[in-house]
Amino acid sequence: MTMKKALVLLFVLTFVLGMAACGKTNAPNPSPSPSEPAASPSPDEESDLFTETSDLYISAAASLTQPMNELAALYNEKVGPNVNIVTNFGGSGTLQTQIQNGSPADIFFSAATKYVDALTESGFVDAATRSDLLKNEIVLILPAGSDVSIASFEDAATDAVATIALGDTASVPAGQYAQEVFTALGTWDAVQAKAVYASDVRQVLSWVASGNADCGVVYKTDAALESGVKIAASAPEGMHKPILYPVAALTTAENRAAADSFLTFLQTDQALAVFERYGFTINK
């Protein structure tokens, strides 16, 4: 082979090898198919949600105090041991105002639908998370040792009663339900004239148990918890709006993951059994 032919052949080989190397370098990296589904989080990844301590703020009606305290402890034991549950109990109307004014709350559990409805309309409640979970009844109570002759809601308007304790009709659902009943009976004016108003049903319960009021109107579930009172009568059927307890996450929730988890927990058989033990009816 002549020197000239050898140089030409060397040049051609060099050129071919160079092109092959460039082709390899510039080839695009393989990418996943757009139709390939994303992998679901593993159970371990889901459990990692609560590995760090966090606060969950719950604003709940005063009549839910005992079951909610028990359920908070049960949730920590069974689901989220690192979730610090901070409860705020009070009249549902007062809680609504607090939420609107920026009080920390991830979940709102009301004793009446109107307050959750109002917060939904104003953008504070995530309607998709709402559940009208429980039902209750209102009853007329007397001090356990009372000899006052009362056997019906109508009797509260008679001279046998000097003082009747009611929840504030502006902010306490139990007081509003009581007003509806007495209005339907045509006795609201007489009852209102001797009424003393409490900030929540637990205060009504306390006033009657201590004898500071001759009688009062509370939820049946509250009366069952207090040995210092006795039930004189249940509210007549159809004389007040249905007593429903809606619960929902708030759009302003800072711990939405824990809020969603707790709401799911509230609808488990174990949690519902706690409510039933305290006298609530599950709204199915």
C-alpha atoms as a PDB file:
ATOM      1  CA  MET A   1       0.000   0.000   0.000  1.00  0.00           C
ATOM      2  CA  THR A   2       1.379   3.401  -0.930  1.00  0.00           C
ATOM      3  CA  MET A   3       1.862   6.058   1.718  1.00  0.00           C
ATOM      4  CA  LYS A   4      -0.866   8.163   0.112  1.00  0.00           C
ATOM      5  CA  LYS A   5      -3.450   5.373   0.260  1.00  0.00           C
ATOM      6  CA  ALA A   6      -2.522   4.625   3.864  1.00  0.00           C
ATOM      7  CA  LEU A   7      -3.103   8.247   4.891  1.00  0.00           C
ATOM      8  CA  VAL A   8      -6.487   8.325   3.125  1.00  0.00           C
ATOM      9  CA  LEU A   9      -7.595   5.098   4.850  1.00  0.00           C
ATOM     10  CA  LEU A  10      -6.476   6.441   8.257  1.00  0.00           C
ATOM     11  CA  PHE A  11      -8.429   9.652   7.698  1.00  0.00           C
ATOM     12  CA  VAL A  12     -11.594   7.727   6.756  1.00  0.00           C
ATOM     13  CA  LEU A  13     -11.373   5.491   9.857  1.00  0.00           C
ATOM     14  CA  THR A  14     -10.806   8.479  12.117  1.00  0.00           C
ATOM     15  CA  PHE A  15     -13.846  10.273  10.640  1.00  0.00           C
ATOM     16  CA  VAL A  16     -16.138   7.204  11.047  1.00  0.00           C
ATOM     17  CA  LEU A  17     -15.110   6.602  14.661  1.00  0.00           C
ATOM     18  CA  GLY A  18     -15.584  10.279  15.479  1.00  0.00           C
ATOM     19  CA  MET A  19     -19.134  10.308  14.067  1.00  0.00           C
ATOM     20  CA  ALA A  20     -20.033   7.167  16.018  1.00  0.00           C
ATOM     21  CA  ALA A  21     -18.801   8.750  19.257  1.00  0.00           C
ATOM     22  CA  CYS A  22     -20.799  11.936  18.634  1.00  0.00           C
ATOM     23  CA  GLY A  23     -23.923   9.906  17.897  1.00  0.00           C
ATOM     24  CA  LYS A  24     -23.560   8.072  21.203  1.00  0.00           C
ATOM     25  CA  THR A  25     -23.039  11.267  23.189  1.00  0.00           C
ATOM     26  CA  ASN A  26     -26.021  13.105  21.702  1.00  0.00           C
ATOM     27  CA  ALA A  27     -28.543  10.269  22.020  1.00  0.00           C
ATOM     28  CA  PRO A  28     -31.529  11.392  24.289  1.00  0.00           C
ATOM     29  CA  ASN A  29     -31.890   9.720  27.659  1.00  0.00           C
ATOM     30  CA  PRO A  30     -34.879   7.383  27.865  1.00  0.00           C
ATOM     31  CA  SER A  31     -37.858   8.938  29.712  1.00  0.00           C
ATOM     32  CA  PRO A  32     -40.844   7.262  31.360  1.00  0.00           C
ATOM     33  CA  SER A  33     -43.946   6.865  29.266  1.00  0.00           C
ATOM     34  CA  PRO A  34     -46.481   9.645  29.922  1.00  0.00           C
ATOM     35  CA  SER A  35     -49.137   6.987  30.400  1.00  0.00           C
ATOM     36  CA  GLU A  36     -47.202   5.219  33.159  1.00  0.00           C
ATOM     37  CA  PRO A  37     -49.056   5.758  36.494  1.00  0.00           C
ATOM     38  CA  ALA A  38     -47.283   7.405  39.406  1.00  0.00           C
ATOM     39  CA  ALA A  39     -46.304   5.070  42.202  1.00  0.00           C
ATOM     40  CA  SER A  40     -48.594   5.134  45.260  1.00  0.00           C
ATOM     41  CA  PRO A  41     -46.998   6.006  48.588  1.00  0.00           C
ATOM     42  CA  SER A  42     -46.087   2.971  50.621  1.00  0.00           C
ATOM     43  CA  PRO A  43     -47.585   2.408  54.101  1.00  0.00           C
ATOM     44  CA  ASP A  44     -44.237   3.433  55.554  1.00  0.00           C
ATOM     45  CA  GLU A  45     -44.351   6.720  53.648  1.00  0.00           C
ATOM     46  CA  GLU A  46     -47.891   7.373  54.888  1.00  0.00           C
ATOM     47  CA  SER A  47     -46.887   6.672  58.480  1.00  0.00           C
ATOM     48  CA  ASP A  48     -44.060   9.189  58.111  1.00  0.00           C
ATOM     49  CA  LEU A  49     -46.769  11.884  57.989  1.00  0.00           C
ATOM     50  CA  PHE A  50     -46.855  12.054  61.802  1.00  0.00           C
ATOM     51  CA  THR A  51     -43.275  11.241  62.741  1.00  0.00           C
ATOM     52  CA  GLU A  52     -42.739  14.856  63.804  1.00  0.00           C
ATOM     53  CA  THR A  53     -44.727  16.472  66.603  1.00  0.00           C
ATOM     54  CA  SER A  54     -47.436  18.843  65.410  1.00  0.00           C
ATOM     55  CA  ASP A  55     -50.471  20.620  66.883  1.00  0.00           C
ATOM     56  CA  LEU A  56     -54.068  19.989  65.843  1.00  0.00           C
ATOM     57  CA  TYR A  57     -56.535  22.659  66.977  1.00  0.00           C
ATOM     58  CA  ILE A  58     -60.168  21.592  67.401  1.00  0.00           C
ATOM     59  CA  SER A  59     -62.994  23.990  68.266  1.00  0.00           C
ATOM     60  CA  ALA A  60     -65.968  21.983  69.525  1.00  0.00           C
ATOM     61  CA  ALA A  61     -69.335  22.576  71.176  1.00  0.00           C
ATOM     62  CA  ALA A  62     -69.265  22.395  74.977  1.00  0.00           C
ATOM     63  CA  SER A  63     -71.673  19.454  74.935  1.00  0.00           C
ATOM     64  CA  LEU A  64     -68.934  17.400  73.230  1.00  0.00           C
ATOM     65  CA  THR A  65     -66.364  17.898  75.991  1.00  0.00           C
ATOM     66  CA  GLN A  66     -66.274  14.398  77.492  1.00  0.00           C
ATOM     67  CA  PRO A  67     -66.431  12.319  74.302  1.00  0.00           C
ATOM     68  CA  MET A  68     -63.953  14.529  72.471  1.00  0.00           C
ATOM     69  CA  ASN A  69     -61.425  14.387  75.308  1.00  0.00           C
ATOM     70  CA  GLU A  70     -61.706  10.612  75.296  1.00  0.00           C
ATOM     71  CA  LEU A  71     -61.443  10.440  71.513  1.00  0.00           C
ATOM     72  CA  ALA A  72     -58.377  12.700  71.458  1.00  0.00           C
ATOM     73  CA  ALA A  73     -56.587  10.245  73.743  1.00  0.00           C
ATOM     74  CA  LEU A  74     -57.790   7.297  71.661  1.00  0.00           C
ATOM     75  CA  TYR A  75     -56.595   8.937  68.434  1.00  0.00           C
ATOM     76  CA  ASN A  76     -53.152   9.501  69.936  1.00  0.00           C
ATOM     77  CA  GLU A  77     -53.024   5.875  70.976  1.00  0.00           C
ATOM     78  CA  LYS A  78     -54.267   4.330  67.727  1.00  0.00           C
ATOM     79  CA  VAL A  79     -53.388   6.743  64.909  1.00  0.00           C
ATOM     80  CA  GLY A  80     -51.259   9.804  65.562  1.00  0.00           C
ATOM     81  CA  PRO A  81     -49.151   9.584  68.733  1.00  0.00           C
ATOM     82  CA  ASN A  82     -47.174  12.678  67.740  1.00  0.00           C
ATOM     83  CA  VAL A  83     -50.216  14.866  67.125  1.00  0.00           C
ATOM     84  CA  ASN A  84     -50.796  17.235  70.045  1.00  0.00           C
ATOM     85  CA  ILE A  85     -54.554  17.843  70.090  1.00  0.00           C
ATOM     86  CA  VAL A  86     -55.542  21.246  71.476  1.00  0.00           C
ATOM     87  CA  THR A  87     -59.286  21.495  72.187  1.00  0.00           C
ATOM     88  CA  ASN A  88     -61.338  24.650  72.604  1.00  0.00           C
ATOM     89  CA  PHE A  89     -64.851  24.047  73.951  1.00  0.00           C
ATOM     90  CA  GLY A  90     -67.630  26.623  74.078  1.00  0.00           C
ATOM     91  CA  GLY A  91     -70.902  27.820  72.616  1.00  0.00           C
ATOM     92  CA  SER A  92     -70.973  27.120  68.868  1.00  0.00           C
ATOM     93  CA  GLY A  93     -71.776  30.735  67.995  1.00  0.00           C
ATOM     94  CA  THR A  94     -68.873  31.983  70.095  1.00  0.00           C
ATOM     95  CA  LEU A  95     -66.550  29.487  68.420  1.00  0.00           C
ATOM     96  CA  GLN A  96     -67.716  30.663  64.983  1.00  0.00           C
ATOM     97  CA  THR A  97     -66.838  34.246  65.886  1.00  0.00           C
ATOM     98  CA  GLN A  98     -63.436  33.193  67.220  1.00  0.00           C
ATOM     99  CA  ILE A  99     -62.664  31.351  63.985  1.00  0.00           C
ATOM    100  CA  GLN A 100     -63.676  34.339  61.874  1.00  0.00           C
ATOM    101  CA  ASN A 101     -61.438  36.548  64.033  1.00  0.00           C
ATOM    102  CA  GLY A 102     -58.407  34.354  63.437  1.00  0.00           C
ATOM    103  CA  SER A 103     -58.377  32.035  66.457  1.00  0.00           C
ATOM    104  CA  PRO A 104     -56.305  28.931  65.606  1.00  0.00           C
ATOM    105  CA  ALA A 105     -58.554  26.070  64.497  1.00  0.00           C
ATOM    106  CA  ASP A 106     -58.124  23.169  62.097  1.00  0.00           C
ATOM    107  CA  ILE A 107     -61.494  21.496  62.777  1.00  0.00           C
ATOM    108  CA  PHE A 108     -64.877  22.912  63.810  1.00  0.00           C
ATOM    109  CA  PHE A 109     -67.412  20.594  65.507  1.00  0.00           C
ATOM    110  CA  SER A 110     -70.661  22.486  66.054  1.00  0.00           C
ATOM    111  CA  ALA A 111     -73.891  21.693  67.910  1.00  0.00           C
ATOM    112  CA  ALA A 112     -75.944  23.308  65.146  1.00  0.00           C
ATOM    113  CA  THR A 113     -75.761  23.431  61.374  1.00  0.00           C
ATOM    114  CA  LYS A 114     -76.267  27.206  61.100  1.00  0.00           C
ATOM    115  CA  TYR A 115     -72.759  28.056  62.310  1.00  0.00           C
ATOM    116  CA  VAL A 116     -71.030  25.654  59.926  1.00  0.00           C
ATOM    117  CA  ASP A 117     -73.304  26.914  57.131  1.00  0.00           C
ATOM    118  CA  ALA A 118     -72.273  30.502  57.879  1.00  0.00           C
ATOM    119  CA  LEU A 119     -68.564  29.647  57.916  1.00  0.00           C
ATOM    120  CA  THR A 120     -68.974  27.740  54.658  1.00  0.00           C
ATOM    121  CA  GLU A 121     -70.582  30.742  52.992  1.00  0.00           C
ATOM    122  CA  SER A 122     -67.775  32.994  54.190  1.00  0.00           C
ATOM    123  CA  GLY A 123     -65.109  30.599  52.920  1.00  0.00           C
ATOM    124  CA  PHE A 124     -63.799  29.241  56.215  1.00  0.00           C
ATOM    125  CA  VAL A 125     -65.133  25.675  55.939  1.00  0.00           C
ATOM    126  CA  ASP A 126     -64.110  23.101  53.349  1.00  0.00           C
ATOM    127  CA  ALA A 127     -67.573  21.794  52.456  1.00  0.00           C
ATOM    128  CA  ALA A 128     -66.125  18.606  50.957  1.00  0.00           C
ATOM    129  CA  THR A 129     -65.000  17.495  54.435  1.00  0.00           C
ATOM    130  CA  ARG A 130     -68.293  18.167  56.221  1.00  0.00           C
ATOM    131  CA  SER A 131     -70.249  15.420  57.963  1.00  0.00           C
ATOM    132  CA  ASP A 132     -73.447  15.976  59.973  1.00  0.00           C
ATOM    133  CA  LEU A 133     -72.241  13.253  62.293  1.00  0.00           C
ATOM    134  CA  LEU A 134     -74.439  13.238  65.391  1.00  0.00           C
ATOM    135  CA  LYS A 135     -77.953  13.867  66.697  1.00  0.00           C
ATOM    136  CA  ASN A 136     -79.103  14.899  70.160  1.00  0.00           C
ATOM    137  CA  GLU A 137     -82.212  15.880  72.164  1.00  0.00           C
ATOM    138  CA  ILE A 138     -83.019  18.715  74.574  1.00  0.00           C
ATOM    139  CA  VAL A 139     -84.595  18.143  77.974  1.00  0.00           C
ATOM    140  CA  LEU A 140     -85.932  20.186  80.879  1.00  0.00           C
ATOM    141  CA  ILE A 141     -83.963  19.489  84.058  1.00  0.00           C
ATOM    142  CA  LEU A 142     -84.393  20.131  87.796  1.00  0.00           C
ATOM    143  CA  PRO A 143     -81.974  19.928  90.713  1.00  0.00           C
ATOM    144  CA  ALA A 144     -81.786  16.292  91.832  1.00  0.00           C
ATOM    145  CA  GLY A 145     -83.373  17.065  95.193  1.00  0.00           C
ATOM    146  CA  SER A 146     -86.001  19.486  93.893  1.00  0.00           C
ATOM    147  CA  ASP A 147     -89.647  19.126  94.885  1.00  0.00           C
ATOM    148  CA  VAL A 148     -90.833  21.659  92.303  1.00  0.00           C
ATOM    149  CA  SER A 149     -93.850  20.291  90.470  1.00  0.00           C
ATOM    150  CA  ILE A 150     -92.781  20.266  86.820  1.00  0.00           C
ATOM    151  CA  ALA A 151     -93.644  17.516  84.366  1.00  0.00           C
ATOM    152  CA  SER A 152     -93.529  19.277  80.982  1.00  0.00           C
ATOM    153  CA  PHE A 153     -91.984  22.194  79.104  1.00  0.00           C
ATOM    154  CA  GLU A 154     -95.330  24.000  79.474  1.00  0.00           C
ATOM    155  CA  ASP A 155     -94.909  23.940  83.273  1.00  0.00           C
ATOM    156  CA  ALA A 156     -91.792  26.119  83.009  1.00  0.00           C
ATOM    157  CA  ALA A 157     -94.077  29.088  82.332  1.00  0.00           C
ATOM    158  CA  THR A 158     -96.120  28.599  85.523  1.00  0.00           C
ATOM    159  CA  ASP A 159     -95.633  30.181  88.946  1.00  0.00           C
ATOM    160  CA  ALA A 160     -93.951  26.970  90.093  1.00  0.00           C
ATOM    161  CA  VAL A 161     -90.760  28.252  88.474  1.00  0.00           C
ATOM    162  CA  ALA A 162     -89.073  31.473  89.571  1.00  0.00           C
ATOM    163  CA  THR A 163     -85.836  31.104  87.580  1.00  0.00           C
ATOM    164  CA  ILE A 164     -85.005  29.071  84.472  1.00  0.00           C
ATOM    165  CA  ALA A 165     -81.480  28.719  83.109  1.00  0.00           C
ATOM    166  CA  LEU A 166     -81.028  28.772  79.331  1.00  0.00           C
ATOM    167  CA  GLY A 167     -78.114  28.987  76.963  1.00  0.00           C
ATOM    168  CA  ASP A 168     -77.622  32.430  75.443  1.00  0.00           C
ATOM    169  CA  THR A 169     -80.036  32.463  72.507  1.00  0.00           C
ATOM    170  CA  ALA A 170     -77.577  34.514  70.440  1.00  0.00           C
ATOM    171  CA  SER A 171     -74.710  32.015  70.566  1.00  0.00           C
ATOM    172  CA  VAL A 172     -75.698  28.752  72.260  1.00  0.00           C
ATOM    173  CA  PRO A 173     -77.656  26.261  70.121  1.00  0.00           C
ATOM    174  CA  ALA A 174     -79.324  24.633  73.151  1.00  0.00           C
ATOM    175  CA  GLY A 175     -80.733  28.038  74.083  1.00  0.00           C
ATOM    176  CA  GLN A 176     -81.983  28.547  70.541  1.00  0.00           C
ATOM    177  CA  TYR A 177     -83.673  25.149  70.482  1.00  0.00           C
ATOM    178  CA  ALA A 178     -85.298  25.940  73.843  1.00  0.00           C
ATOM    179  CA  GLN A 179     -86.588  29.243  72.484  1.00  0.00           C
ATOM    180  CA  GLU A 180     -88.069  27.435  69.475  1.00  0.00           C
ATOM    181  CA  VAL A 181     -89.917  25.027  71.768  1.00  0.00           C
ATOM    182  CA  PHE A 182     -91.308  27.700  74.105  1.00  0.00           C
ATOM    183  CA  THR A 183     -92.284  29.860  71.121  1.00  0.00           C
ATOM    184  CA  ALA A 184     -94.146  26.928  69.544  1.00  0.00           C
ATOM    185  CA  LEU A 185     -95.934  26.366  72.874  1.00  0.00           C
ATOM    186  CA  GLY A 186     -96.847  30.064  73.089  1.00  0.00           C
ATOM    187  CA  THR A 187     -95.011  30.500  76.415  1.00  0.00           C
ATOM    188  CA  TRP A 188     -91.785  32.221  75.347  1.00  0.00           C
ATOM    189  CA  ASP A 189     -92.729  35.643  76.775  1.00  0.00           C
ATOM    190  CA  ALA A 190     -93.478  34.155  80.193  1.00  0.00           C
ATOM    191  CA  VAL A 191     -90.321  32.041  80.192  1.00  0.00           C
ATOM    192  CA  GLN A 192     -88.103  34.855  78.923  1.00  0.00           C
ATOM    193  CA  ALA A 193     -89.189  37.058  81.817  1.00  0.00           C
ATOM    194  CA  LYS A 194     -87.586  34.703  84.350  1.00  0.00           C
ATOM    195  CA  ALA A 195     -84.669  33.384  82.320  1.00  0.00           C
ATOM    196  CA  VAL A 196     -80.992  33.667  83.171  1.00  0.00           C
ATOM    197  CA  TYR A 197     -78.615  33.093  80.261  1.00  0.00           C
ATOM    198  CA  ALA A 198     -75.419  31.059  80.255  1.00  0.00           C
ATOM    199  CA  SER A 199     -72.456  31.107  77.888  1.00  0.00           C
ATOM    200  CA  ASP A 200     -72.809  27.361  77.189  1.00  0.00           C
ATOM    201  CA  VAL A 201     -74.861  24.340  78.250  1.00  0.00           C
ATOM    202  CA  ARG A 202     -72.331  23.254  80.864  1.00  0.00           C
ATOM    203  CA  GLN A 203     -72.960  26.493  82.743  1.00  0.00           C
ATOM    204  CA  VAL A 204     -76.721  25.857  82.586  1.00  0.00           C
ATOM    205  CA  LEU A 205     -76.076  22.391  83.997  1.00  0.00           C
ATOM    206  CA  SER A 206     -73.969  23.844  86.820  1.00  0.00           C
ATOM    207  CA  TRP A 207     -76.552  26.472  87.781  1.00  0.00           C
ATOM    208  CA  VAL A 208     -79.341  23.904  88.010  1.00  0.00           C
ATOM    209  CA  ALA A 209     -77.240  21.302  89.845  1.00  0.00           C
ATOM    210  CA  SER A 210     -76.233  23.914  92.439  1.00  0.00           C
ATOM    211  CA  GLY A 211     -79.829  25.065  92.923  1.00  0.00           C
ATOM    212  CA  ASN A 212     -79.149  28.560  91.597  1.00  0.00           C
ATOM    213  CA  ALA A 213     -81.908  27.984  89.036  1.00  0.00           C
ATOM    214  CA  ASP A 214     -85.181  26.133  89.543  1.00  0.00           C
ATOM    215  CA  CYS A 215     -84.861  24.418  86.180  1.00  0.00           C
ATOM    216  CA  GLY A 216     -83.018  24.625  82.884  1.00  0.00           C
ATOM    217  CA  VAL A 217     -82.822  23.303  79.350  1.00  0.00           C
ATOM    218  CA  VAL A 218     -79.807  21.254  78.259  1.00  0.00           C
ATOM    219  CA  TYR A 219     -78.993  18.378  75.947  1.00  0.00           C
ATOM    220  CA  LYS A 220     -79.994  14.918  77.062  1.00  0.00           C
ATOM    221  CA  THR A 221     -76.346  13.880  76.869  1.00  0.00           C
ATOM    222  CA  ASP A 222     -75.363  16.616  79.359  1.00  0.00           C
ATOM    223  CA  ALA A 223     -78.097  15.675  81.818  1.00  0.00           C
ATOM    224  CA  ALA A 224     -76.896  12.070  81.780  1.00  0.00           C
ATOM    225  CA  LEU A 225     -73.434  13.137  82.971  1.00  0.00           C
ATOM    226  CA  GLU A 226     -74.537  15.165  85.996  1.00  0.00           C
ATOM    227  CA  SER A 227     -75.784  13.363  89.107  1.00  0.00           C
ATOM    228  CA  GLY A 228     -76.912  16.677  90.579  1.00  0.00           C
ATOM    229  CA  VAL A 229     -79.827  17.013  88.154  1.00  0.00           C
ATOM    230  CA  LYS A 230     -82.823  14.989  87.046  1.00  0.00           C
ATOM    231  CA  ILE A 231     -84.809  15.100  83.819  1.00  0.00           C
ATOM    232  CA  ALA A 232     -88.348  16.462  84.188  1.00  0.00           C
ATOM    233  CA  ALA A 233     -89.400  16.298  80.526  1.00  0.00           C
ATOM    234  CA  SER A 234     -88.191  15.853  76.966  1.00  0.00           C
ATOM    235  CA  ALA A 235     -88.979  18.484  74.346  1.00  0.00           C
ATOM    236  CA  PRO A 236     -92.188  17.734  72.426  1.00  0.00           C
ATOM    237  CA  GLU A 237     -91.659  16.223  68.984  1.00  0.00           C
ATOM    238  CA  GLY A 238     -91.499  18.607  66.039  1.00  0.00           C
ATOM    239  CA  MET A 239     -91.226  21.819  68.058  1.00  0.00           C
ATOM    240  CA  HIS A 240     -87.622  22.623  67.219  1.00  0.00           C
ATOM    241  CA  LYS A 241     -85.224  22.111  64.340  1.00  0.00           C
ATOM    242  CA  PRO A 242     -83.383  18.790  64.207  1.00  0.00           C
ATOM    243  CA  ILE A 243     -80.380  18.865  66.531  1.00  0.00           C
ATOM    244  CA  LEU A 244     -77.464  17.932  64.299  1.00  0.00           C
ATOM    245  CA  TYR A 245     -73.743  18.151  65.011  1.00  0.00           C
ATOM    246  CA  PRO A 246     -71.738  18.926  61.858  1.00  0.00           C
ATOM    247  CA  VAL A 247     -67.954  18.603  61.804  1.00  0.00           C
ATOM    248  CA  ALA A 248     -65.560  19.822  59.100  1.00  0.00           C
ATOM    249  CA  ALA A 249     -62.012  20.926  58.361  1.00  0.00           C
ATOM    250  CA  LEU A 250     -61.352  24.626  57.949  1.00  0.00           C
ATOM    251  CA  THR A 251     -59.820  26.103  54.832  1.00  0.00           C
ATOM    252  CA  THR A 252     -57.463  28.040  57.130  1.00  0.00           C
ATOM    253  CA  ALA A 253     -56.210  24.845  58.797  1.00  0.00           C
ATOM    254  CA  GLU A 254     -52.454  24.907  59.307  1.00  0.00           C
ATOM    255  CA  ASN A 255     -52.302  21.157  59.940  1.00  0.00           C
ATOM    256  CA  ARG A 256     -54.583  19.878  57.206  1.00  0.00           C
ATOM    257  CA  ALA A 257     -53.030  16.410  57.078  1.00  0.00           C
ATOM    258  CA  ALA A 258     -53.800  15.773  60.758  1.00  0.00           C
ATOM    259  CA  ALA A 259     -57.247  17.374  60.378  1.00  0.00           C
ATOM    260  CA  ASP A 260     -58.171  15.012  57.537  1.00  0.00           C
ATOM    261  CA  SER A 261     -56.801  12.061  59.493  1.00  0.00           C
ATOM    262  CA  PHE A 262     -58.794  12.958  62.615  1.00  0.00           C
ATOM    263  CA  LEU A 263     -62.019  13.457  60.639  1.00  0.00           C
ATOM    264  CA  THR A 264     -61.583   9.994  59.138  1.00  0.00           C
ATOM    265  CA  PHE A 265     -60.971   8.588  62.609  1.00  0.00           C
ATOM    266  CA  LEU A 266     -64.201  10.164  63.956  1.00  0.00           C
ATOM    267  CA  GLN A 267     -66.225   8.039  61.529  1.00  0.00           C
ATOM    268  CA  THR A 268     -64.685   4.723  62.516  1.00  0.00           C
ATOM    269  CA  ASP A 269     -66.802   2.210  64.444  1.00  0.00           C
ATOM    270  CA  GLN A 270     -64.544   2.628  67.459  1.00  0.00           C
ATOM    271  CA  ALA A 271     -65.044   6.399  67.596  1.00  0.00           C
ATOM    272  CA  LEU A 272     -68.784   6.242  66.925  1.00  0.00           C
ATOM    273  CA  ALA A 273     -69.165   3.774  69.794  1.00  0.00           C
ATOM    274  CA  VAL A 274     -67.706   6.401  72.139  1.00  0.00           C
ATOM    275  CA  PHE A 275     -70.304   8.971  71.058  1.00  0.00           C
ATOM    276  CA  GLU A 276     -73.087   6.431  71.531  1.00  0.00           C
ATOM    277  CA  ARG A 277     -71.851   5.586  75.014  1.00  0.00           C
ATOM    278  CA  TYR A 278     -72.276   9.259  75.931  1.00  0.00           C
ATOM    279  CA  GLY A 279     -75.863   9.233  74.664  1.00  0.00           C
ATOM    280  CA  PHE A 280     -75.478  10.683  71.180  1.00  0.00           C
ATOM    281  CA  THR A 281     -77.293   9.182  68.213  1.00  0.00           C
ATOM    282  CA  ILE A 282     -75.293   8.583  65.035  1.00  0.00           C
ATOM    283  CA  ASN A 283     -76.865  10.444  62.107  1.00  0.00           C
ATOM    284  CA  LYS A 284     -77.024   7.776  59.401  1.00  0.00           C
END
